[in-house]
């Protein structure tokens, strides 16, 4: 069976202070900027850094921000969005298709998109709704897909993301919904009572708490 998901596109990390986190990761540790800080989310600000192979989206909610960095979700690039939707259905996961549009010229400019062209489609997402899951499918509009690709952004000078470990109570259902990715970084899914997402770089585990406090 052909893969319906191409790769891990980005990972979402909720943070207590997006400005300081972004500066530490880009200036001190050398991760390239994927996109700058902006109110790209109705309830908070986001930005992105390139890990090499996938991006890390930092998100600071307006309320309820964590006291330490918390990886909360994985976004996959689809090979085919309808095939991904069918896979979710087969695994028993209902999902909603949501288009994200942007009309604010300032936010379009921050994204590197033409600011005077009117509202533009940012992405089409396939989001699990029942039961909820710590992942979704994100199909970027062509201009953004090219702008945010690993080939363009690269990654940290001497390191890159090699694998992601997803642990949780519905591992078997998640495996069925996700299937086998067409490209790396590697994804492993393990059964656990608690939800946890761990990142491993080519040099070893990526401990965000240590990076940000060290």
N, C-alpha and C. Protein backbone atom coordinates (compact mmCIF):
# COMPACT_ATOMS: atom_id res chain seq x y z
N UNK A 1 0.84 -1.20 0.00
CA UNK A 1 0.00 0.00 0.00
C UNK A 1 0.87 1.25 0.00
N UNK A 2 0.53 2.20 -0.85
CA UNK A 2 1.31 3.43 -0.95
C UNK A 2 1.08 4.33 0.26
N UNK A 3 2.14 5.01 0.76
CA UNK A 3 1.95 5.95 1.88
C UNK A 3 0.98 7.07 1.51
N UNK A 4 0.17 7.50 2.48
CA UNK A 4 -0.72 8.64 2.26
C UNK A 4 -0.19 9.88 2.96
N UNK A 5 0.85 9.71 3.78
CA UNK A 5 1.51 10.85 4.41
C UNK A 5 2.97 10.89 3.93
N UNK A 6 3.42 12.07 3.53
CA UNK A 6 4.77 12.19 2.97
C UNK A 6 5.82 12.21 4.07
N UNK A 7 5.64 13.11 5.06
CA UNK A 7 6.67 13.29 6.07
C UNK A 7 6.11 14.09 7.24
N UNK A 8 6.90 14.18 8.31
CA UNK A 8 6.61 15.12 9.39
C UNK A 8 6.94 16.51 8.87
N UNK A 9 5.95 17.39 8.82
CA UNK A 9 6.19 18.75 8.33
C UNK A 9 6.67 19.65 9.46
N UNK A 10 5.94 19.67 10.56
CA UNK A 10 6.38 20.46 11.72
C UNK A 10 5.80 19.90 13.00
N UNK A 11 6.39 20.33 14.09
CA UNK A 11 5.96 19.93 15.43
C UNK A 11 5.60 21.19 16.20
N UNK A 12 4.53 21.11 16.99
CA UNK A 12 4.07 22.27 17.75
C UNK A 12 4.57 22.17 19.18
N UNK A 13 5.19 23.25 19.64
CA UNK A 13 5.72 23.31 21.01
C UNK A 13 5.16 24.55 21.69
N UNK A 14 4.35 24.35 22.71
CA UNK A 14 3.83 25.47 23.48
C UNK A 14 4.90 25.94 24.46
N UNK A 15 5.07 27.26 24.56
CA UNK A 15 6.16 27.82 25.37
C UNK A 15 5.63 28.95 26.26
N UNK A 16 6.32 29.21 27.39
CA UNK A 16 5.88 30.29 28.28
C UNK A 16 6.24 31.68 27.77
N UNK A 17 7.34 31.80 27.00
CA UNK A 17 7.81 33.10 26.52
C UNK A 17 8.38 32.92 25.12
N UNK A 18 7.59 33.26 24.12
CA UNK A 18 7.99 32.97 22.74
C UNK A 18 9.17 33.81 22.29
N UNK A 19 9.29 35.03 22.79
CA UNK A 19 10.40 35.91 22.36
C UNK A 19 11.73 35.35 22.83
N UNK A 20 11.83 35.04 24.12
CA UNK A 20 13.11 34.54 24.64
C UNK A 20 13.43 33.15 24.07
N UNK A 21 12.40 32.30 23.91
CA UNK A 21 12.63 30.96 23.36
C UNK A 21 13.16 31.05 21.94
N UNK A 22 12.54 31.90 21.13
CA UNK A 22 12.95 32.07 19.74
C UNK A 22 14.38 32.59 19.65
N UNK A 23 14.72 33.55 20.49
CA UNK A 23 16.07 34.12 20.47
C UNK A 23 17.12 33.10 20.90
N UNK A 24 16.81 32.31 21.92
CA UNK A 24 17.77 31.30 22.38
C UNK A 24 18.01 30.26 21.29
N UNK A 25 16.94 29.78 20.67
CA UNK A 25 17.09 28.72 19.67
C UNK A 25 17.79 29.21 18.41
N UNK A 26 17.54 30.44 18.00
CA UNK A 26 18.14 30.94 16.75
C UNK A 26 19.52 31.56 16.98
N UNK A 27 19.66 32.40 18.00
CA UNK A 27 20.92 33.12 18.19
C UNK A 27 21.96 32.30 18.95
N UNK A 28 21.53 31.62 20.01
CA UNK A 28 22.51 30.88 20.80
C UNK A 28 22.83 29.52 20.19
N UNK A 29 21.77 28.82 19.71
CA UNK A 29 21.98 27.46 19.26
C UNK A 29 22.04 27.32 17.74
N UNK A 30 21.75 28.37 17.00
CA UNK A 30 21.98 28.35 15.56
C UNK A 30 20.91 27.71 14.70
N UNK A 31 19.70 27.50 15.24
CA UNK A 31 18.62 26.98 14.41
C UNK A 31 18.12 28.09 13.48
N UNK A 32 18.01 27.84 12.17
CA UNK A 32 17.55 28.88 11.26
C UNK A 32 16.08 29.26 11.52
N UNK A 33 15.76 30.52 11.28
CA UNK A 33 14.38 30.96 11.37
C UNK A 33 13.57 30.40 10.21
N UNK A 34 12.42 29.80 10.53
CA UNK A 34 11.50 29.34 9.49
C UNK A 34 10.48 30.42 9.19
N UNK A 35 9.96 31.06 10.22
CA UNK A 35 9.12 32.25 10.06
C UNK A 35 9.16 33.05 11.35
N UNK A 36 8.97 34.36 11.28
CA UNK A 36 9.13 35.22 12.45
C UNK A 36 7.92 35.18 13.38
N UNK A 37 8.05 35.82 14.53
CA UNK A 37 6.96 35.87 15.49
C UNK A 37 5.82 36.74 14.95
N UNK A 38 4.62 36.21 15.04
CA UNK A 38 3.45 36.96 14.59
C UNK A 38 2.19 36.35 15.17
N UNK A 39 1.10 37.10 15.12
CA UNK A 39 -0.19 36.59 15.62
C UNK A 39 -0.86 35.79 14.50
N UNK A 40 -0.27 34.63 14.22
CA UNK A 40 -0.79 33.76 13.18
C UNK A 40 -1.87 32.82 13.70
N UNK A 41 -2.15 32.89 14.97
CA UNK A 41 -3.11 32.03 15.64
C UNK A 41 -4.05 32.94 16.42
N UNK A 42 -5.36 32.77 16.34
CA UNK A 42 -6.28 33.71 17.00
C UNK A 42 -6.07 33.88 18.49
N UNK A 43 -5.61 32.82 19.16
CA UNK A 43 -5.46 32.89 20.62
C UNK A 43 -4.02 33.05 21.08
N UNK A 44 -3.11 33.44 20.19
CA UNK A 44 -1.73 33.58 20.61
C UNK A 44 -0.79 33.85 19.45
N UNK A 45 0.50 33.90 19.77
CA UNK A 45 1.53 34.16 18.76
C UNK A 45 2.30 32.88 18.46
N UNK A 46 2.80 32.79 17.24
CA UNK A 46 3.61 31.65 16.85
C UNK A 46 4.83 32.14 16.06
N UNK A 47 5.80 31.24 15.93
CA UNK A 47 6.95 31.46 15.06
C UNK A 47 7.52 30.08 14.77
N UNK A 48 8.55 30.01 13.93
CA UNK A 48 9.10 28.70 13.59
C UNK A 48 10.61 28.71 13.46
N UNK A 49 11.21 27.59 13.82
CA UNK A 49 12.64 27.37 13.59
C UNK A 49 12.80 26.06 12.83
N UNK A 50 13.86 25.98 12.03
CA UNK A 50 14.11 24.80 11.20
C UNK A 50 15.05 23.84 11.94
N UNK A 51 14.58 22.60 12.11
CA UNK A 51 15.39 21.59 12.79
C UNK A 51 16.22 20.78 11.81
N UNK A 52 15.97 20.97 10.51
CA UNK A 52 16.61 20.13 9.51
C UNK A 52 15.76 18.90 9.28
N UNK A 53 14.96 18.90 8.23
CA UNK A 53 14.04 17.79 7.96
C UNK A 53 12.61 18.09 8.38
N UNK A 54 12.42 18.96 9.33
CA UNK A 54 11.10 19.38 9.80
C UNK A 54 11.27 20.69 10.57
N UNK A 55 10.19 21.41 10.73
CA UNK A 55 10.22 22.67 11.47
C UNK A 55 9.59 22.51 12.85
N UNK A 56 10.00 23.37 13.76
CA UNK A 56 9.45 23.42 15.11
C UNK A 56 8.66 24.71 15.23
N UNK A 57 7.34 24.60 15.41
CA UNK A 57 6.49 25.77 15.57
C UNK A 57 6.35 26.08 17.06
N UNK A 58 6.83 27.23 17.47
CA UNK A 58 6.68 27.69 18.85
C UNK A 58 5.37 28.44 18.96
N UNK A 59 4.63 28.18 20.02
CA UNK A 59 3.32 28.79 20.20
C UNK A 59 3.17 29.24 21.64
N UNK A 60 2.88 30.52 21.83
CA UNK A 60 2.60 31.05 23.16
C UNK A 60 1.13 31.46 23.23
N UNK A 61 0.29 30.68 23.91
CA UNK A 61 -1.12 31.06 24.03
C UNK A 61 -1.28 32.32 24.86
N UNK A 62 -2.34 33.08 24.58
CA UNK A 62 -2.62 34.28 25.36
C UNK A 62 -2.95 33.94 26.80
N UNK A 63 -3.54 32.77 27.02
CA UNK A 63 -3.84 32.32 28.38
C UNK A 63 -3.54 30.83 28.48
N UNK A 64 -3.14 30.41 29.66
CA UNK A 64 -2.85 28.99 29.88
C UNK A 64 -1.54 28.52 29.31
N UNK A 65 -0.58 29.41 29.11
CA UNK A 65 0.72 28.99 28.60
C UNK A 65 1.42 28.10 29.62
N UNK A 66 2.17 27.10 29.18
CA UNK A 66 2.86 26.22 30.12
C UNK A 66 4.02 26.94 30.81
N UNK A 67 4.47 26.40 31.92
CA UNK A 67 5.61 26.98 32.63
C UNK A 67 6.94 26.51 32.04
N UNK A 68 6.92 25.40 31.30
CA UNK A 68 8.10 24.89 30.59
C UNK A 68 7.67 24.48 29.18
N UNK A 69 8.60 24.40 28.23
CA UNK A 69 8.24 24.01 26.86
C UNK A 69 7.52 22.66 26.83
N UNK A 70 6.49 22.56 25.99
CA UNK A 70 5.69 21.33 25.94
C UNK A 70 5.36 21.02 24.48
N UNK A 71 5.92 19.92 23.98
CA UNK A 71 5.57 19.45 22.63
C UNK A 71 4.17 18.86 22.68
N UNK A 72 3.27 19.39 21.84
CA UNK A 72 1.87 19.02 21.96
C UNK A 72 1.27 18.37 20.73
N UNK A 73 1.88 18.52 19.55
CA UNK A 73 1.27 17.96 18.34
C UNK A 73 2.28 17.81 17.22
N UNK A 74 1.96 16.91 16.30
CA UNK A 74 2.76 16.66 15.10
C UNK A 74 1.89 16.97 13.89
N UNK A 75 2.43 17.73 12.94
CA UNK A 75 1.73 18.03 11.69
C UNK A 75 2.42 17.29 10.54
N UNK A 76 1.65 16.56 9.77
CA UNK A 76 2.19 15.78 8.66
C UNK A 76 1.86 16.43 7.32
N UNK A 77 2.79 16.38 6.39
CA UNK A 77 2.52 16.77 5.01
C UNK A 77 1.89 15.58 4.29
N UNK A 78 0.75 15.76 3.63
CA UNK A 78 0.13 14.61 2.97
C UNK A 78 0.71 14.33 1.59
N UNK A 79 0.69 13.07 1.20
CA UNK A 79 0.88 12.72 -0.20
C UNK A 79 -0.42 13.04 -0.93
N UNK A 80 -1.54 12.69 -0.29
CA UNK A 80 -2.86 12.95 -0.85
C UNK A 80 -3.82 13.17 0.32
N UNK A 81 -4.47 14.32 0.35
CA UNK A 81 -5.32 14.68 1.48
C UNK A 81 -6.53 13.75 1.60
N UNK A 82 -7.13 13.38 0.49
CA UNK A 82 -8.30 12.50 0.56
C UNK A 82 -7.91 11.10 1.03
N UNK A 83 -6.74 10.62 0.63
CA UNK A 83 -6.28 9.31 1.10
C UNK A 83 -6.01 9.36 2.60
N UNK A 84 -5.48 10.48 3.09
CA UNK A 84 -5.27 10.63 4.53
C UNK A 84 -6.59 10.61 5.28
N UNK A 85 -7.60 11.28 4.72
CA UNK A 85 -8.92 11.30 5.34
C UNK A 85 -9.50 9.90 5.40
N UNK A 86 -9.35 9.13 4.33
CA UNK A 86 -9.85 7.75 4.31
C UNK A 86 -9.15 6.89 5.35
N UNK A 87 -7.84 7.11 5.52
CA UNK A 87 -7.08 6.35 6.52
C UNK A 87 -7.56 6.67 7.93
N UNK A 88 -7.87 7.93 8.19
CA UNK A 88 -8.41 8.30 9.49
C UNK A 88 -9.73 7.58 9.74
N UNK A 89 -10.60 7.55 8.73
CA UNK A 89 -11.90 6.89 8.87
C UNK A 89 -11.72 5.41 9.15
N UNK A 90 -10.82 4.76 8.41
CA UNK A 90 -10.58 3.32 8.62
C UNK A 90 -10.10 3.03 10.03
N UNK A 91 -9.36 3.96 10.63
CA UNK A 91 -8.82 3.75 11.96
C UNK A 91 -9.82 4.12 13.06
N UNK A 92 -10.99 4.65 12.67
CA UNK A 92 -12.00 5.03 13.66
C UNK A 92 -11.88 6.45 14.17
N UNK A 93 -11.15 7.30 13.43
CA UNK A 93 -10.98 8.69 13.83
C UNK A 93 -11.76 9.60 12.88
N UNK A 94 -12.72 10.33 13.43
CA UNK A 94 -13.41 11.34 12.63
C UNK A 94 -12.53 12.58 12.54
N UNK A 95 -12.55 13.24 11.40
CA UNK A 95 -11.68 14.41 11.21
C UNK A 95 -12.40 15.48 10.41
N UNK A 96 -12.06 16.73 10.70
CA UNK A 96 -12.63 17.88 10.01
C UNK A 96 -11.60 18.48 9.06
N UNK A 97 -12.07 18.88 7.88
CA UNK A 97 -11.21 19.60 6.94
C UNK A 97 -11.39 21.09 7.19
N UNK A 98 -10.30 21.79 7.47
CA UNK A 98 -10.35 23.21 7.80
C UNK A 98 -9.38 23.98 6.92
N UNK A 99 -9.89 24.95 6.21
CA UNK A 99 -9.03 25.84 5.42
C UNK A 99 -8.65 27.05 6.26
N UNK A 100 -7.38 27.41 6.21
CA UNK A 100 -6.91 28.60 6.92
C UNK A 100 -6.57 29.68 5.90
N UNK A 101 -7.25 30.82 6.01
CA UNK A 101 -7.03 31.95 5.12
C UNK A 101 -6.46 33.13 5.90
N UNK A 102 -5.71 33.97 5.23
CA UNK A 102 -5.17 35.17 5.86
C UNK A 102 -5.45 36.38 4.97
N UNK A 103 -5.99 37.43 5.59
CA UNK A 103 -6.30 38.66 4.85
C UNK A 103 -5.48 39.85 5.32
N UNK A 104 -4.87 39.75 6.50
CA UNK A 104 -4.12 40.87 7.06
C UNK A 104 -2.82 41.07 6.28
N UNK A 105 -2.63 42.22 5.62
CA UNK A 105 -1.42 42.44 4.81
C UNK A 105 -0.13 42.30 5.62
N UNK A 106 -0.15 42.75 6.88
CA UNK A 106 1.07 42.67 7.70
C UNK A 106 1.44 41.21 7.96
N UNK A 107 0.44 40.37 8.25
CA UNK A 107 0.72 38.96 8.50
C UNK A 107 1.11 38.23 7.23
N UNK A 108 0.52 38.61 6.11
CA UNK A 108 0.93 38.02 4.83
C UNK A 108 2.38 38.35 4.53
N UNK A 109 2.77 39.59 4.81
CA UNK A 109 4.15 40.01 4.57
C UNK A 109 5.12 39.25 5.47
N UNK A 110 4.74 39.03 6.73
CA UNK A 110 5.58 38.25 7.64
C UNK A 110 5.76 36.82 7.14
N UNK A 111 4.74 36.31 6.48
CA UNK A 111 4.82 34.95 5.93
C UNK A 111 5.60 34.90 4.62
N UNK A 112 5.95 36.07 4.08
CA UNK A 112 6.66 36.11 2.81
C UNK A 112 5.74 35.99 1.62
N UNK A 113 4.46 36.35 1.80
CA UNK A 113 3.47 36.27 0.73
C UNK A 113 3.13 37.67 0.23
N UNK A 114 2.62 37.80 -0.99
CA UNK A 114 2.24 39.11 -1.53
C UNK A 114 1.19 39.77 -0.63
N UNK A 115 1.47 40.96 -0.16
CA UNK A 115 0.60 41.60 0.83
C UNK A 115 -0.58 42.33 0.21
N UNK A 116 -0.55 42.61 -1.08
CA UNK A 116 -1.62 43.38 -1.68
C UNK A 116 -2.55 42.57 -2.54
N UNK A 117 -2.51 41.26 -2.43
CA UNK A 117 -3.29 40.39 -3.32
C UNK A 117 -4.62 39.95 -2.72
N UNK A 118 -4.99 40.50 -1.56
CA UNK A 118 -6.24 40.10 -0.92
C UNK A 118 -6.08 38.83 -0.10
N UNK A 119 -7.17 38.29 0.43
CA UNK A 119 -7.09 37.07 1.25
C UNK A 119 -6.44 35.92 0.49
N UNK A 120 -5.58 35.19 1.19
CA UNK A 120 -4.88 34.08 0.55
C UNK A 120 -5.00 32.82 1.41
N UNK A 121 -5.11 31.69 0.73
CA UNK A 121 -5.16 30.41 1.41
C UNK A 121 -3.77 30.09 1.96
N UNK A 122 -3.70 29.82 3.25
CA UNK A 122 -2.44 29.46 3.90
C UNK A 122 -2.24 27.95 3.85
N UNK A 123 -3.25 27.20 4.28
CA UNK A 123 -3.14 25.76 4.31
C UNK A 123 -4.53 25.13 4.43
N UNK A 124 -4.60 23.85 4.11
CA UNK A 124 -5.80 23.05 4.34
C UNK A 124 -5.42 21.95 5.31
N UNK A 125 -6.10 21.91 6.45
CA UNK A 125 -5.77 20.97 7.51
C UNK A 125 -6.83 19.90 7.67
N UNK A 126 -6.39 18.70 7.99
CA UNK A 126 -7.27 17.60 8.35
C UNK A 126 -7.04 17.33 9.83
N UNK A 127 -8.03 17.68 10.66
CA UNK A 127 -7.85 17.71 12.11
C UNK A 127 -8.74 16.67 12.79
N UNK A 128 -8.16 15.69 13.52
CA UNK A 128 -8.98 14.72 14.24
C UNK A 128 -9.92 15.40 15.22
N UNK A 129 -11.18 14.95 15.23
CA UNK A 129 -12.17 15.55 16.12
C UNK A 129 -12.73 14.57 17.13
N UNK A 130 -12.89 13.32 16.75
CA UNK A 130 -13.47 12.33 17.68
C UNK A 130 -12.94 10.94 17.34
N UNK A 131 -12.08 10.38 18.20
CA UNK A 131 -11.46 11.04 19.36
C UNK A 131 -10.37 12.01 18.90
N UNK A 132 -10.01 12.93 19.79
CA UNK A 132 -8.93 13.85 19.47
C UNK A 132 -7.61 13.09 19.44
N UNK A 133 -6.62 13.64 18.76
CA UNK A 133 -5.32 12.99 18.65
C UNK A 133 -4.25 14.06 18.58
N UNK A 134 -3.02 13.74 18.98
CA UNK A 134 -1.94 14.75 19.00
C UNK A 134 -1.25 14.90 17.65
N UNK A 135 -2.02 14.87 16.58
CA UNK A 135 -1.45 15.05 15.25
C UNK A 135 -2.56 15.50 14.30
N UNK A 136 -2.13 16.10 13.18
CA UNK A 136 -3.06 16.49 12.13
C UNK A 136 -2.31 16.54 10.82
N UNK A 137 -3.04 16.71 9.73
CA UNK A 137 -2.45 16.77 8.40
C UNK A 137 -2.53 18.21 7.91
N UNK A 138 -1.41 18.71 7.39
CA UNK A 138 -1.32 20.11 6.97
C UNK A 138 -0.81 20.18 5.53
N UNK A 139 -1.68 20.62 4.63
CA UNK A 139 -1.30 20.80 3.23
C UNK A 139 -1.16 22.29 2.96
N UNK A 140 0.07 22.78 2.90
CA UNK A 140 0.32 24.21 2.68
C UNK A 140 0.00 24.60 1.23
N UNK A 141 -0.40 25.86 1.06
CA UNK A 141 -0.51 26.43 -0.28
C UNK A 141 0.88 26.41 -0.93
N UNK A 142 0.94 26.32 -2.27
CA UNK A 142 2.23 26.11 -2.96
C UNK A 142 3.34 27.07 -2.58
N UNK A 143 3.06 28.38 -2.47
CA UNK A 143 4.12 29.34 -2.16
C UNK A 143 4.71 29.08 -0.77
N UNK A 144 3.84 28.82 0.20
CA UNK A 144 4.32 28.56 1.55
C UNK A 144 5.02 27.21 1.64
N UNK A 145 4.51 26.22 0.93
CA UNK A 145 5.15 24.90 0.93
C UNK A 145 6.60 25.01 0.48
N UNK A 146 6.83 25.78 -0.57
CA UNK A 146 8.20 25.96 -1.07
C UNK A 146 9.03 26.77 -0.09
N UNK A 147 8.44 27.79 0.49
CA UNK A 147 9.18 28.69 1.40
C UNK A 147 9.60 27.99 2.69
N UNK A 148 8.78 27.04 3.16
CA UNK A 148 9.03 26.39 4.44
C UNK A 148 9.68 25.01 4.30
N UNK A 149 10.06 24.63 3.10
CA UNK A 149 10.59 23.29 2.87
C UNK A 149 11.98 23.12 3.47
N UNK A 150 12.33 21.91 3.91
CA UNK A 150 13.67 21.65 4.44
C UNK A 150 14.77 21.95 3.44
N UNK A 151 14.47 21.76 2.15
CA UNK A 151 15.49 22.03 1.13
C UNK A 151 15.89 23.50 1.12
N UNK A 152 14.95 24.39 1.41
CA UNK A 152 15.25 25.82 1.41
C UNK A 152 15.83 26.27 2.74
N UNK A 153 15.27 25.76 3.85
CA UNK A 153 15.64 26.27 5.17
C UNK A 153 16.88 25.61 5.75
N UNK A 154 17.12 24.36 5.37
CA UNK A 154 18.24 23.66 5.97
C UNK A 154 17.97 23.34 7.42
N UNK A 155 18.96 23.50 8.27
CA UNK A 155 18.83 23.19 9.69
C UNK A 155 20.03 23.69 10.44
N UNK A 156 20.18 23.28 11.69
CA UNK A 156 21.33 23.71 12.47
C UNK A 156 22.63 23.27 11.80
N UNK A 157 23.69 24.04 11.95
CA UNK A 157 24.92 23.81 11.20
C UNK A 157 25.47 22.39 11.26
N UNK A 158 25.48 21.76 12.45
CA UNK A 158 26.13 20.46 12.57
C UNK A 158 25.16 19.38 13.06
N UNK A 159 23.88 19.58 12.89
CA UNK A 159 22.90 18.66 13.46
C UNK A 159 21.62 18.72 12.65
N UNK A 160 20.76 17.69 12.77
CA UNK A 160 19.46 17.72 12.11
C UNK A 160 18.55 16.70 12.79
N UNK A 161 17.24 16.91 12.64
CA UNK A 161 16.27 16.01 13.25
C UNK A 161 16.34 14.65 12.58
N UNK A 162 16.48 13.59 13.39
CA UNK A 162 16.58 12.25 12.82
C UNK A 162 15.35 11.40 13.11
N UNK A 163 14.70 11.60 14.27
CA UNK A 163 13.53 10.78 14.59
C UNK A 163 12.63 11.48 15.60
N UNK A 164 11.37 11.06 15.61
CA UNK A 164 10.37 11.55 16.54
C UNK A 164 9.70 10.35 17.19
N UNK A 165 9.57 10.40 18.51
CA UNK A 165 8.89 9.34 19.26
C UNK A 165 7.60 9.90 19.82
N UNK A 166 6.48 9.26 19.46
CA UNK A 166 5.16 9.63 19.96
C UNK A 166 4.67 8.52 20.88
N UNK A 167 4.40 8.88 22.12
CA UNK A 167 3.86 7.92 23.09
C UNK A 167 2.46 8.35 23.50
N UNK A 168 1.58 7.37 23.69
CA UNK A 168 0.24 7.70 24.15
C UNK A 168 -0.64 6.47 24.30
N UNK A 169 -1.84 6.67 24.83
CA UNK A 169 -2.72 5.53 25.16
C UNK A 169 -3.41 4.90 23.96
N UNK A 170 -3.38 5.55 22.79
CA UNK A 170 -4.07 5.03 21.60
C UNK A 170 -3.08 4.74 20.48
N UNK A 171 -1.93 4.19 20.84
CA UNK A 171 -0.84 4.00 19.88
C UNK A 171 -1.26 3.15 18.68
N UNK A 172 -1.98 2.05 18.91
CA UNK A 172 -2.35 1.18 17.79
C UNK A 172 -3.26 1.90 16.81
N UNK A 173 -4.21 2.68 17.31
CA UNK A 173 -5.10 3.45 16.44
C UNK A 173 -4.31 4.52 15.68
N UNK A 174 -3.36 5.17 16.35
CA UNK A 174 -2.55 6.20 15.71
C UNK A 174 -1.70 5.60 14.60
N UNK A 175 -1.12 4.40 14.84
CA UNK A 175 -0.32 3.75 13.80
C UNK A 175 -1.15 3.49 12.55
N UNK A 176 -2.38 3.04 12.75
CA UNK A 176 -3.25 2.74 11.62
C UNK A 176 -3.60 4.02 10.86
N UNK A 177 -3.86 5.11 11.58
CA UNK A 177 -4.22 6.36 10.93
C UNK A 177 -3.06 6.98 10.17
N UNK A 178 -1.84 6.84 10.69
CA UNK A 178 -0.66 7.48 10.11
C UNK A 178 -0.01 6.62 9.04
N UNK A 179 0.04 5.31 9.27
CA UNK A 179 0.70 4.42 8.31
C UNK A 179 2.21 4.62 8.30
N UNK A 180 2.81 4.36 7.16
CA UNK A 180 4.27 4.50 6.99
C UNK A 180 4.55 5.79 6.22
N UNK A 181 5.44 6.61 6.76
CA UNK A 181 5.79 7.86 6.09
C UNK A 181 6.67 7.59 4.87
N UNK A 182 6.47 8.41 3.83
CA UNK A 182 7.25 8.24 2.60
C UNK A 182 8.69 8.70 2.76
N UNK A 183 8.92 9.68 3.67
CA UNK A 183 10.25 10.25 3.86
C UNK A 183 10.54 10.41 5.35
N UNK A 184 11.86 10.51 5.68
CA UNK A 184 12.27 10.78 7.05
C UNK A 184 12.00 12.22 7.42
N UNK A 185 12.23 12.59 8.70
CA UNK A 185 12.72 11.82 9.82
C UNK A 185 11.79 10.66 10.22
N UNK A 186 12.39 9.67 10.85
CA UNK A 186 11.66 8.48 11.29
C UNK A 186 10.63 8.84 12.36
N UNK A 187 9.49 8.16 12.31
CA UNK A 187 8.47 8.30 13.35
C UNK A 187 8.27 6.95 14.03
N UNK A 188 8.36 6.95 15.36
CA UNK A 188 8.05 5.75 16.15
C UNK A 188 6.88 6.07 17.06
N UNK A 189 5.98 5.10 17.23
CA UNK A 189 4.79 5.28 18.06
C UNK A 189 4.75 4.15 19.08
N UNK A 190 4.67 4.50 20.36
CA UNK A 190 4.67 3.51 21.44
C UNK A 190 3.50 3.74 22.38
N UNK A 191 3.05 2.63 22.97
CA UNK A 191 1.95 2.68 23.93
C UNK A 191 2.43 3.25 25.26
N UNK A 192 1.62 4.14 25.85
CA UNK A 192 1.94 4.72 27.14
C UNK A 192 0.66 5.29 27.75
N UNK A 193 0.61 5.35 29.07
CA UNK A 193 -0.57 5.93 29.73
C UNK A 193 -0.64 7.44 29.50
N UNK A 194 0.51 8.07 29.34
CA UNK A 194 0.57 9.52 29.20
C UNK A 194 1.05 9.92 27.81
N UNK A 195 0.58 11.05 27.33
CA UNK A 195 1.02 11.58 26.04
C UNK A 195 2.40 12.20 26.18
N UNK A 196 3.28 11.88 25.25
CA UNK A 196 4.63 12.44 25.26
C UNK A 196 5.18 12.42 23.85
N UNK A 197 5.89 13.48 23.48
CA UNK A 197 6.57 13.55 22.18
C UNK A 197 8.03 13.87 22.43
N UNK A 198 8.93 13.06 21.90
CA UNK A 198 10.36 13.26 22.08
C UNK A 198 11.04 13.41 20.72
N UNK A 199 12.02 14.30 20.67
CA UNK A 199 12.77 14.54 19.44
C UNK A 199 14.20 14.05 19.59
N UNK A 200 14.72 13.48 18.53
CA UNK A 200 16.12 13.05 18.53
C UNK A 200 16.82 13.64 17.32
N UNK A 201 17.92 14.34 17.58
CA UNK A 201 18.74 14.89 16.52
C UNK A 201 19.81 13.86 16.15
N UNK A 202 20.57 14.14 15.10
CA UNK A 202 21.63 13.21 14.70
C UNK A 202 22.68 13.06 15.79
N UNK A 203 22.79 14.08 16.66
CA UNK A 203 23.77 14.02 17.75
C UNK A 203 23.21 13.42 19.04
N UNK A 204 21.89 13.22 19.10
CA UNK A 204 21.29 12.66 20.31
C UNK A 204 19.95 13.33 20.62
N UNK A 205 19.33 12.99 21.75
CA UNK A 205 18.02 13.56 22.12
C UNK A 205 18.07 15.08 22.21
N UNK A 206 16.97 15.72 21.78
CA UNK A 206 16.85 17.17 21.86
C UNK A 206 16.05 17.51 23.10
N UNK A 207 16.74 18.00 24.13
CA UNK A 207 16.11 18.36 25.39
C UNK A 207 15.86 19.88 25.36
N UNK A 208 14.64 20.25 25.02
CA UNK A 208 14.33 21.68 24.89
C UNK A 208 14.48 22.42 26.21
N UNK A 209 14.10 21.78 27.30
CA UNK A 209 14.23 22.43 28.61
C UNK A 209 15.70 22.76 28.89
N UNK A 210 16.59 21.81 28.58
CA UNK A 210 18.02 22.05 28.81
C UNK A 210 18.54 23.14 27.90
N UNK A 211 18.15 23.11 26.62
CA UNK A 211 18.61 24.13 25.69
C UNK A 211 18.21 25.54 26.13
N UNK A 212 16.99 25.65 26.63
CA UNK A 212 16.45 26.98 26.95
C UNK A 212 16.89 27.48 28.31
N UNK A 213 17.34 26.57 29.18
CA UNK A 213 17.75 26.98 30.52
C UNK A 213 19.26 26.95 30.69
N UNK A 214 19.94 26.38 29.71
CA UNK A 214 21.38 26.24 29.84
C UNK A 214 22.16 27.47 29.42
